Protein backbone atom coordinates (compact mmCIF):
# COMPACT_ATOMS: atom_id res chain seq x y z
CA UNK A 1 66.80 20.74 6.66
CA UNK A 2 66.14 18.47 9.81
CA UNK A 3 64.14 15.55 8.89
CA UNK A 4 60.66 15.89 10.75
CA UNK A 5 59.55 12.84 12.52
CA UNK A 6 56.14 14.05 13.94
CA UNK A 7 53.37 15.96 12.56
CA UNK A 8 49.75 17.04 12.62
CA UNK A 9 47.73 15.97 9.49
CA UNK A 10 44.94 17.83 8.40
CA UNK A 11 42.20 16.28 6.23
CA UNK A 12 38.45 17.24 5.04
CA UNK A 13 36.18 14.11 5.01
CA UNK A 14 33.48 16.07 4.03
CA UNK A 15 34.90 17.30 0.70
CA UNK A 16 34.09 15.85 -2.70
CA UNK A 17 37.55 14.88 -3.37
CA UNK A 18 38.25 12.94 -0.15
CA UNK A 19 39.22 9.43 -0.84
CA UNK A 20 39.30 7.08 2.37
CA UNK A 21 41.75 4.68 0.65
CA UNK A 22 43.96 7.52 -0.36
CA UNK A 23 43.92 8.58 3.42
CA UNK A 24 44.69 5.08 4.58
CA UNK A 25 47.48 4.82 2.22
CA UNK A 26 49.16 8.36 3.44
CA UNK A 27 48.95 7.16 6.89
CA UNK A 28 50.52 3.78 6.31
CA UNK A 29 53.36 5.50 4.16
CA UNK A 30 53.99 7.96 7.03
CA UNK A 31 54.21 4.80 9.32
CA UNK A 32 56.70 3.35 6.94
CA UNK A 33 58.74 6.32 6.85
CA UNK A 34 58.77 6.56 10.62
CA UNK A 35 56.88 9.88 10.66
CA UNK A 36 54.53 9.90 13.73
CA UNK A 37 51.00 11.13 12.93
CA UNK A 38 50.76 12.72 16.45
CA UNK A 39 47.20 13.97 15.55
CA UNK A 40 44.63 13.80 12.68
CA UNK A 41 42.56 16.95 12.33
CA UNK A 42 39.33 16.32 10.38
CA UNK A 43 38.32 19.81 9.21
CA UNK A 44 35.57 21.33 9.44
CA UNK A 45 34.27 19.27 12.14
CA UNK A 46 37.39 20.24 14.02
CA UNK A 47 38.99 23.72 13.98
CA UNK A 48 42.17 24.21 11.85
CA UNK A 49 45.23 24.40 14.16
CA UNK A 50 46.51 27.77 15.56
CA UNK A 51 50.27 28.83 15.82
CA UNK A 52 49.82 28.83 19.59
CA UNK A 53 48.09 25.38 19.74
CA UNK A 54 50.97 23.96 17.68
CA UNK A 55 53.68 25.81 19.66
CA UNK A 56 52.18 24.38 22.89
CA UNK A 57 52.17 20.76 21.70
CA UNK A 58 55.78 20.95 20.45
CA UNK A 59 54.72 20.53 16.59
CA UNK A 60 56.94 22.21 14.14
CA UNK A 61 55.12 20.61 11.13
CA UNK A 62 51.73 20.50 9.95
CA UNK A 63 50.80 18.31 6.90
CA UNK A 64 47.51 18.97 5.00
CA UNK A 65 45.89 16.39 2.51
CA UNK A 66 43.07 18.57 1.09
CA UNK A 67 42.01 20.82 -1.76
CA UNK A 68 43.21 24.35 -2.52
CA UNK A 69 40.60 25.94 -0.53
CA UNK A 70 41.24 24.32 2.82
CA UNK A 71 45.17 24.70 2.01
CA UNK A 72 44.56 28.20 1.61
CA UNK A 73 42.56 28.70 4.86
CA UNK A 74 45.39 26.81 6.88
CA UNK A 75 48.38 28.39 5.47
CA UNK A 76 46.98 32.16 5.76
CA UNK A 77 45.95 31.44 9.31
CA UNK A 78 49.55 30.29 10.16
CA UNK A 79 50.98 33.40 9.00
CA UNK A 80 53.83 34.60 11.28
CA UNK A 81 54.34 31.01 12.67
CA UNK A 82 57.94 29.65 13.23
CA UNK A 83 57.09 26.14 11.66
CA UNK A 84 56.58 24.59 8.27
CA UNK A 85 53.72 23.20 6.32
CA UNK A 86 53.63 20.31 3.97
CA UNK A 87 51.22 20.52 1.22
CA UNK A 88 50.13 17.06 -0.34
CA UNK A 89 47.61 16.48 -3.21
CA UNK A 90 44.22 15.76 -1.74
CA UNK A 91 42.02 17.81 -3.87
CA UNK A 92 40.76 17.84 -7.68
CA UNK A 93 43.36 19.74 -9.39
CA UNK A 94 45.94 20.09 -6.59
CA UNK A 95 47.71 23.24 -8.32
CA UNK A 96 49.76 24.25 -5.14
CA UNK A 97 50.99 20.79 -4.59
CA UNK A 98 52.10 20.38 -8.23
CA UNK A 99 53.71 23.77 -7.76
CA UNK A 100 55.83 22.71 -4.83
CA UNK A 101 56.43 18.96 -5.65
CA UNK A 102 55.59 18.24 -9.19
CA UNK A 103 52.83 15.94 -10.25
CA UNK A 104 53.53 13.19 -7.91
CA UNK A 105 51.71 11.24 -5.34
CA UNK A 106 51.24 11.89 -1.62
CA UNK A 107 53.31 9.11 -0.85
CA UNK A 108 56.09 9.87 -3.06
CA UNK A 109 56.20 13.46 -1.63
CA UNK A 110 56.41 12.02 2.09
CA UNK A 111 59.24 9.60 1.06
CA UNK A 112 61.18 12.67 -0.18
CA UNK A 113 60.68 14.59 2.99
CA UNK A 114 61.55 11.60 4.93
CA UNK A 115 64.80 11.06 2.88
CA UNK A 116 65.84 14.79 3.28
CA UNK A 117 64.66 15.70 -0.07
CA UNK A 118 62.76 19.12 1.26
CA UNK A 119 63.74 22.57 1.79
CA UNK A 120 61.70 25.28 3.47
CA UNK A 121 60.71 28.09 1.25
CA UNK A 122 58.21 31.14 1.15
CA UNK A 123 56.89 30.94 -2.49
CA UNK A 124 55.22 33.90 -4.06
CA UNK A 125 51.32 34.33 -3.61
CA UNK A 126 48.99 36.80 -5.16
CA UNK A 127 47.60 39.43 -2.67
CA UNK A 128 44.13 40.89 -2.85
CA UNK A 129 42.22 43.18 -0.73
CA UNK A 130 40.17 39.87 0.37
CA UNK A 131 43.15 37.59 0.91
CA UNK A 132 46.10 35.83 -0.74
CA UNK A 133 45.72 33.23 -3.41
CA UNK A 134 48.57 30.36 -3.10
CA UNK A 135 47.27 28.59 -6.46
CA UNK A 136 45.34 31.32 -8.27
CA UNK A 137 43.09 34.09 -8.29
CA UNK A 138 40.10 34.57 -10.43
CA UNK A 139 38.09 37.65 -11.30
CA UNK A 140 34.92 38.18 -13.32
CA UNK A 141 31.43 36.99 -14.02
CA UNK A 142 33.07 33.91 -15.26
CA UNK A 143 33.51 32.76 -11.87
CA UNK A 144 30.00 31.49 -11.81
CA UNK A 145 31.07 28.23 -13.27
CA UNK A 146 32.70 27.42 -10.08
CA UNK A 147 29.31 26.55 -8.60
CA UNK A 148 28.67 24.27 -11.67
CA UNK A 149 32.05 22.37 -10.87
CA UNK A 150 31.01 21.99 -7.15
CA UNK A 151 27.63 20.65 -8.02
CA UNK A 152 29.39 18.17 -10.55
CA UNK A 153 31.58 17.10 -7.95
CA UNK A 154 28.70 16.48 -5.43
CA UNK A 155 26.69 14.45 -8.27
CA UNK A 156 23.97 16.87 -8.03
CA UNK A 157 22.52 17.06 -11.63
CA UNK A 158 19.68 19.46 -11.07
CA UNK A 159 22.08 22.03 -9.57
CA UNK A 160 24.52 21.43 -12.31
CA UNK A 161 22.05 22.11 -15.05
CA UNK A 162 20.63 25.18 -13.37
CA UNK A 163 23.92 26.40 -12.47
CA UNK A 164 25.33 25.94 -16.08
CA UNK A 165 22.18 28.01 -17.13
CA UNK A 166 23.09 30.64 -14.87
CA UNK A 167 26.82 30.71 -15.41
CA UNK A 168 26.28 30.88 -19.22
CA UNK A 169 23.90 34.03 -18.49
CA UNK A 170 26.70 35.60 -16.25
CA UNK A 171 29.46 34.81 -18.69
CA UNK A 172 27.61 36.41 -21.76
CA UNK A 173 25.80 39.39 -19.95
CA UNK A 174 27.87 39.94 -16.79
CA UNK A 175 29.95 42.96 -16.33
CA UNK A 176 33.40 42.33 -17.87
CA UNK A 177 36.80 42.99 -16.12
CA UNK A 178 39.41 45.04 -17.45
CA UNK A 179 43.32 45.38 -16.68
CA UNK A 180 43.74 49.09 -16.35
CA UNK A 181 47.20 49.41 -14.61
CA UNK A 182 49.10 48.50 -16.85
CA UNK A 183 46.60 49.06 -19.56
CA UNK A 184 46.43 45.69 -21.40
CA UNK A 185 44.25 43.34 -23.41
CA UNK A 186 40.59 44.35 -24.64
CA UNK A 187 39.45 47.54 -23.80
CA UNK A 188 36.00 46.24 -23.26
CA UNK A 189 37.30 43.61 -20.83
CA UNK A 190 37.05 39.82 -20.54
CA UNK A 191 34.28 37.73 -18.56
CA UNK A 192 37.41 36.12 -16.55
CA UNK A 193 40.81 36.98 -15.76
CA UNK A 194 43.00 34.47 -14.01
CA UNK A 195 46.27 35.10 -12.12
CA UNK A 196 48.47 32.46 -11.33
CA UNK A 197 51.86 32.79 -8.93
CA UNK A 198 54.78 31.67 -10.97
CA UNK A 199 58.33 31.98 -9.70
CA UNK A 200 58.50 35.77 -8.60
CA UNK A 201 55.67 37.11 -10.71
CA UNK A 202 52.06 36.09 -11.57
CA UNK A 203 51.11 35.20 -15.03
CA UNK A 204 47.80 36.35 -16.30
CA UNK A 205 45.36 35.02 -18.66
CA UNK A 206 42.30 36.66 -19.81
CA UNK A 207 39.23 34.34 -20.94
CA UNK A 208 36.91 35.18 -23.63
CA UNK A 209 34.20 33.71 -25.71
CA UNK A 210 32.86 35.11 -28.93
CA UNK A 211 30.38 32.46 -30.14
CA UNK A 212 28.07 30.29 -28.35
CA UNK A 213 30.50 27.07 -29.05
CA UNK A 214 33.24 28.97 -27.45
CA UNK A 215 31.15 29.54 -24.46
CA UNK A 216 30.59 25.82 -24.25
CA UNK A 217 34.24 24.92 -24.63
CA UNK A 218 34.92 27.42 -21.99
CA UNK A 219 32.35 26.10 -19.54
CA UNK A 220 33.58 22.64 -19.83
CA UNK A 221 37.14 23.81 -19.46
CA UNK A 222 36.24 25.89 -16.22
CA UNK A 223 34.09 23.01 -14.72
CA UNK A 224 37.03 20.70 -15.17
CA UNK A 225 39.56 23.46 -13.63
CA UNK A 226 41.69 23.04 -16.33
CA UNK A 227 41.66 26.68 -17.41
CA UNK A 228 44.20 26.38 -20.21
CA UNK A 229 41.74 24.38 -22.14
CA UNK A 230 39.54 27.70 -22.64
CA UNK A 231 39.87 30.22 -25.19
CA UNK A 232 42.15 33.06 -23.72
CA UNK A 233 44.70 35.71 -24.15
CA UNK A 234 47.92 35.31 -22.21
CA UNK A 235 48.55 38.93 -21.09
CA UNK A 236 52.16 38.23 -19.64
CA UNK A 237 53.45 38.06 -16.28
CA UNK A 238 53.55 40.95 -13.71
CA UNK A 239 54.58 41.82 -10.22
CA UNK A 240 51.22 44.16 -9.66
CA UNK A 241 48.25 45.08 -11.55
CA UNK A 242 44.90 46.76 -11.17
CA UNK A 243 41.58 45.92 -12.64
CA UNK A 244 38.33 47.41 -12.63
CA UNK A 245 34.70 46.54 -13.55
CA UNK A 246 33.50 48.13 -16.70
CA UNK A 247 30.36 49.25 -15.20
CA UNK A 248 31.67 50.06 -11.59
CA UNK A 249 30.14 47.21 -10.02
CA UNK A 250 32.00 44.65 -7.50
CA UNK A 251 34.30 42.22 -8.81
CA UNK A 252 33.22 38.70 -8.24
CA UNK A 253 36.34 36.79 -7.56
CA UNK A 254 37.56 33.10 -6.41
CA UNK A 255 40.40 32.87 -4.19
CA UNK A 256 41.91 29.57 -4.35
CA UNK A 257 38.29 28.38 -5.41
CA UNK A 258 36.57 30.18 -2.69
CA UNK A 259 34.13 33.03 -3.55
CA UNK A 260 35.00 36.67 -2.61
CA UNK A 261 33.81 40.06 -3.65
CA UNK A 262 36.35 42.78 -4.30
CA UNK A 263 35.55 46.41 -4.92
CA UNK A 264 35.01 47.78 -8.44
CA UNK A 265 38.51 48.56 -8.58
CA UNK A 266 41.17 46.42 -7.25
CA UNK A 267 44.95 46.04 -7.02
CA UNK A 268 46.84 42.84 -6.90
CA UNK A 269 50.33 42.06 -6.17
CA UNK A 270 52.93 39.29 -5.79
CA UNK A 271 54.25 39.07 -2.46
CA UNK A 272 56.04 36.34 -0.35
CA UNK A 273 54.00 33.58 1.62
CA UNK A 274 54.24 34.54 5.32
CA UNK A 275 54.96 31.04 6.46
CA UNK A 276 57.47 28.31 5.41
CA UNK A 277 56.08 25.58 2.98
CA UNK A 278 58.10 22.49 2.37
CA UNK A 279 59.21 22.11 -1.41
CA UNK A 280 60.69 18.73 -2.70
CA UNK A 281 60.71 19.53 -6.47
CA UNK A 282 64.23 19.37 -8.15
CA UNK A 283 65.80 18.18 -4.59
CA UNK A 284 68.00 15.47 -3.82
CA UNK A 285 68.39 13.34 -0.77
CA UNK A 286 70.69 14.47 1.95
CA UNK A 287 74.02 12.85 2.20
């Protein structure tokens, strides 16, 4: 692909994961690589760019250096646009950036792009009735642990303690979620099911906790957002599936870390992203 020499950069200074020194290092790297940061958009004080706004300014590449939630809002808001989006690791876990580029720094990714090691792709995402998940979609009462993670990231000890107690109650007593089509996993369901897009399918992990010790282990894993550390069942990989609430109640969900409420019975499917993302994993420089 043609090497981009001008871009708009989106950052979120209000995020708990924002690092001014890392932002400055990224700007210096762009300068060193002859990439013009034509505009820096500081979300949410400034609106995310629209396709019409980008086209009017002659911009065909948007770069974003934030967490998964803001990335989701930008990318899905640009569905149908003719340009490309470069995802950089500016969050806590950076699941989408790792998927597209590997576990490398923002500066390394920029250098790859500047040297021609990028290709435009439309990777698979998990689609739900309330939006697409680019990094992952979680369903069940166990999503209450997300509030604990946010409080921990903000250093709010009181909120973290209160949230942990509430999350434990939700995980132990909340209505469980079942996979009903195809019929897999435990018939009584699970407190948390996680769908992660991988290749052209989604991998599905069901998290459970049979003892208080396991709940504590799961809580720590979820707060850290390293879900693989929690006790779980690998249910397999699928192109689509349907889940329901064991008590016919609305399903609590997190779409790339952002809360959502789904109907008591909800369908999830793998579809292509509807705007080009730059990918550098496994690429080699242009001759």
